[in-house]
Amino acid sequence: METPNRKFGEWGQFDRYCKLVLYHEAIDYLREMQRRRDMEISLDELSPADWDKLSVRDDYPCESYIFHSHGYDLRIDNELVAEAFAVLPQQEQSILILHCVMELNDVEIGRLMGMSKSAVQRHRTKTLKELRVKLMAIMPEGG
């Protein structure tokens, strides 16, 4: 049979070991919390550009308007712009789609549509001016 002193000595060693393990776990935990605090940033400190990086916007096909020309599509998400664009004649729509989506110059657009460079340029500037006037007229105040 073991003597009580030896038994209490082993328990004391085990007790000391457990306390030491818990002490070092606590130190590791506090270091990890400090590391996280150093890495974190308050949401109040974020710039608008950083907010944009964090945000996500879902786009659904039913929420946009698609216009087609020469096999290319122009997707317009704004309802007011889509309505103004929809009332344009097909030729002007095609010119703007080729210019804005495909980034073709007036000569290339003219070749596709059978028009001269000056006619394409005239139609494009006139149409953009009309769109601007229509949108300014129907745009809500302040926006």
Protein backbone atom coordinates (compact mmCIF):
# COMPACT_ATOMS: atom_id res chain seq x y z
CA MET A 1 0.00 0.00 0.00
CA GLU A 2 1.21 3.51 -0.85
CA THR A 3 1.93 5.99 1.82
CA PRO A 4 -0.37 9.00 1.95
CA ASN A 5 2.52 11.44 1.48
CA ARG A 6 3.56 9.88 -1.80
CA LYS A 7 -0.01 9.85 -3.06
CA PHE A 8 -0.48 13.52 -2.16
CA GLY A 9 2.86 14.28 -3.82
CA GLU A 10 1.73 12.72 -7.10
CA TRP A 11 -1.58 14.57 -6.88
CA GLY A 12 0.30 17.77 -6.24
CA GLN A 13 2.46 17.19 -9.31
CA PHE A 14 -0.59 16.42 -11.43
CA ASP A 15 -2.34 19.49 -10.03
CA ARG A 16 0.71 21.65 -10.86
CA TYR A 17 0.86 20.15 -14.36
CA CYS A 18 -2.83 20.90 -15.00
CA LYS A 19 -2.46 24.46 -13.74
CA LEU A 20 0.59 24.98 -15.97
CA VAL A 21 -1.23 23.65 -19.04
CA LEU A 22 -4.24 25.89 -18.35
CA TYR A 23 -1.96 28.89 -17.74
CA HIS A 24 -0.24 28.44 -21.12
CA GLU A 25 -3.57 27.88 -22.87
CA ALA A 26 -4.77 31.17 -21.41
CA ILE A 27 -1.62 32.92 -22.66
CA ASP A 28 -2.11 31.43 -26.15
CA TYR A 29 -5.75 32.53 -26.13
CA LEU A 30 -4.87 36.10 -25.11
CA ARG A 31 -2.17 36.29 -27.79
CA GLU A 32 -4.64 35.08 -30.41
CA MET A 33 -7.22 37.64 -29.31
CA GLN A 34 -4.59 40.40 -29.50
CA ARG A 35 -3.55 39.25 -32.97
CA ARG A 36 -7.19 39.38 -34.10
CA ARG A 37 -7.66 42.85 -32.58
CA ASP A 38 -4.59 44.03 -34.45
CA MET A 39 -5.96 42.65 -37.73
CA GLU A 40 -9.55 43.87 -37.33
CA ILE A 41 -10.77 47.26 -38.42
CA SER A 42 -13.90 49.04 -37.30
CA LEU A 43 -16.65 49.38 -39.88
CA ASP A 44 -16.74 53.10 -39.08
CA GLU A 45 -13.20 53.43 -40.44
CA LEU A 46 -14.00 51.93 -43.86
CA SER A 47 -13.98 54.21 -46.88
CA PRO A 48 -16.79 54.07 -49.45
CA ALA A 49 -14.43 52.25 -51.83
CA ASP A 50 -13.81 49.59 -49.17
CA TRP A 51 -17.57 49.27 -48.57
CA ASP A 52 -18.02 48.62 -52.30
CA LYS A 53 -15.49 45.79 -52.11
CA LEU A 54 -17.49 44.19 -49.31
CA SER A 55 -20.92 44.57 -50.87
CA VAL A 56 -22.55 42.23 -53.33
CA ARG A 57 -25.33 43.02 -55.74
CA ASP A 58 -27.46 40.32 -57.28
CA ASP A 59 -28.33 40.88 -60.92
CA TYR A 60 -31.34 39.12 -62.31
CA PRO A 61 -32.08 38.99 -66.04
CA CYS A 62 -35.70 39.98 -65.43
CA GLU A 63 -34.54 43.29 -63.90
CA SER A 64 -32.68 44.49 -67.00
CA TYR A 65 -33.62 45.37 -70.55
CA ILE A 66 -31.68 43.88 -73.44
CA PHE A 67 -31.40 45.47 -76.86
CA HIS A 68 -29.91 43.55 -79.81
CA SER A 69 -28.06 44.67 -82.91
CA HIS A 70 -25.81 42.80 -85.34
CA GLY A 71 -25.48 39.88 -82.93
CA TYR A 72 -24.45 42.04 -79.96
CA ASP A 73 -26.48 42.83 -76.87
CA LEU A 74 -26.76 45.99 -74.82
CA ARG A 75 -28.02 45.37 -71.28
CA ILE A 76 -29.58 48.38 -69.54
CA ASP A 77 -30.48 48.04 -65.85
CA ASN A 78 -32.03 51.47 -65.34
CA GLU A 79 -35.71 51.53 -66.28
CA LEU A 80 -35.75 55.22 -67.25
CA VAL A 81 -32.74 54.84 -69.54
CA ALA A 82 -34.23 51.69 -71.09
CA GLU A 83 -37.52 53.44 -71.81
CA ALA A 84 -35.72 56.38 -73.42
CA PHE A 85 -33.55 54.01 -75.46
CA ALA A 86 -36.55 51.89 -76.54
CA VAL A 87 -38.30 54.78 -78.28
CA LEU A 88 -35.28 55.43 -80.52
CA PRO A 89 -35.46 54.20 -84.11
CA GLN A 90 -33.78 50.84 -84.77
CA GLN A 91 -30.98 52.42 -86.80
CA GLU A 92 -29.99 54.79 -83.99
CA GLN A 93 -30.18 51.94 -81.46
CA SER A 94 -27.86 49.88 -83.64
CA ILE A 95 -25.36 52.72 -83.98
CA LEU A 96 -25.24 53.26 -80.21
CA ILE A 97 -24.97 49.54 -79.47
CA LEU A 98 -22.08 49.13 -81.89
CA HIS A 99 -20.39 52.26 -80.56
CA CYS A 100 -20.90 51.63 -76.82
CA VAL A 101 -20.78 47.84 -76.58
CA MET A 102 -18.34 46.92 -79.32
CA GLU A 103 -16.45 50.23 -79.16
CA LEU A 104 -16.36 50.43 -82.94
CA ASN A 105 -15.38 53.70 -84.58
CA ASP A 106 -17.61 55.51 -87.07
CA VAL A 107 -15.88 53.99 -90.13
CA GLU A 108 -16.39 50.43 -88.88
CA ILE A 109 -20.01 51.13 -87.95
CA GLY A 110 -20.56 52.69 -91.37
CA ARG A 111 -19.21 49.57 -93.10
CA LEU A 112 -21.56 47.33 -91.09
CA MET A 113 -24.61 49.49 -91.65
CA GLY A 114 -23.89 50.67 -95.20
CA MET A 115 -23.51 54.34 -94.25
CA SER A 116 -20.79 56.93 -94.56
CA LYS A 117 -18.59 57.88 -91.64
CA SER A 118 -20.08 61.36 -91.43
CA ALA A 119 -23.65 60.00 -91.46
CA VAL A 120 -22.83 57.62 -88.60
CA GLN A 121 -21.20 60.44 -86.63
CA ARG A 122 -24.17 62.74 -87.26
CA HIS A 123 -26.72 60.07 -86.20
CA ARG A 124 -24.69 59.14 -83.11
CA THR A 125 -24.24 62.70 -81.81
CA LYS A 126 -27.86 63.60 -82.55
CA THR A 127 -29.16 60.46 -80.83
CA LEU A 128 -26.97 60.94 -77.76
CA LYS A 129 -28.15 64.53 -77.49
CA GLU A 130 -31.80 63.43 -77.76
CA LEU A 131 -31.27 60.76 -75.10
CA ARG A 132 -29.65 63.28 -72.79
CA VAL A 133 -32.56 65.71 -73.21
CA LYS A 134 -35.17 62.96 -72.65
CA LEU A 135 -33.43 61.69 -69.55
CA MET A 136 -33.05 65.18 -68.09
CA ALA A 137 -36.77 65.74 -68.64
CA ILE A 138 -37.91 62.51 -66.94
CA MET A 139 -35.19 62.20 -64.31
CA PRO A 140 -36.47 62.64 -60.75
CA GLU A 141 -35.23 65.65 -58.82
CA GLY A 142 -31.82 65.25 -57.24
CA GLY A 143 -30.90 62.19 -59.03
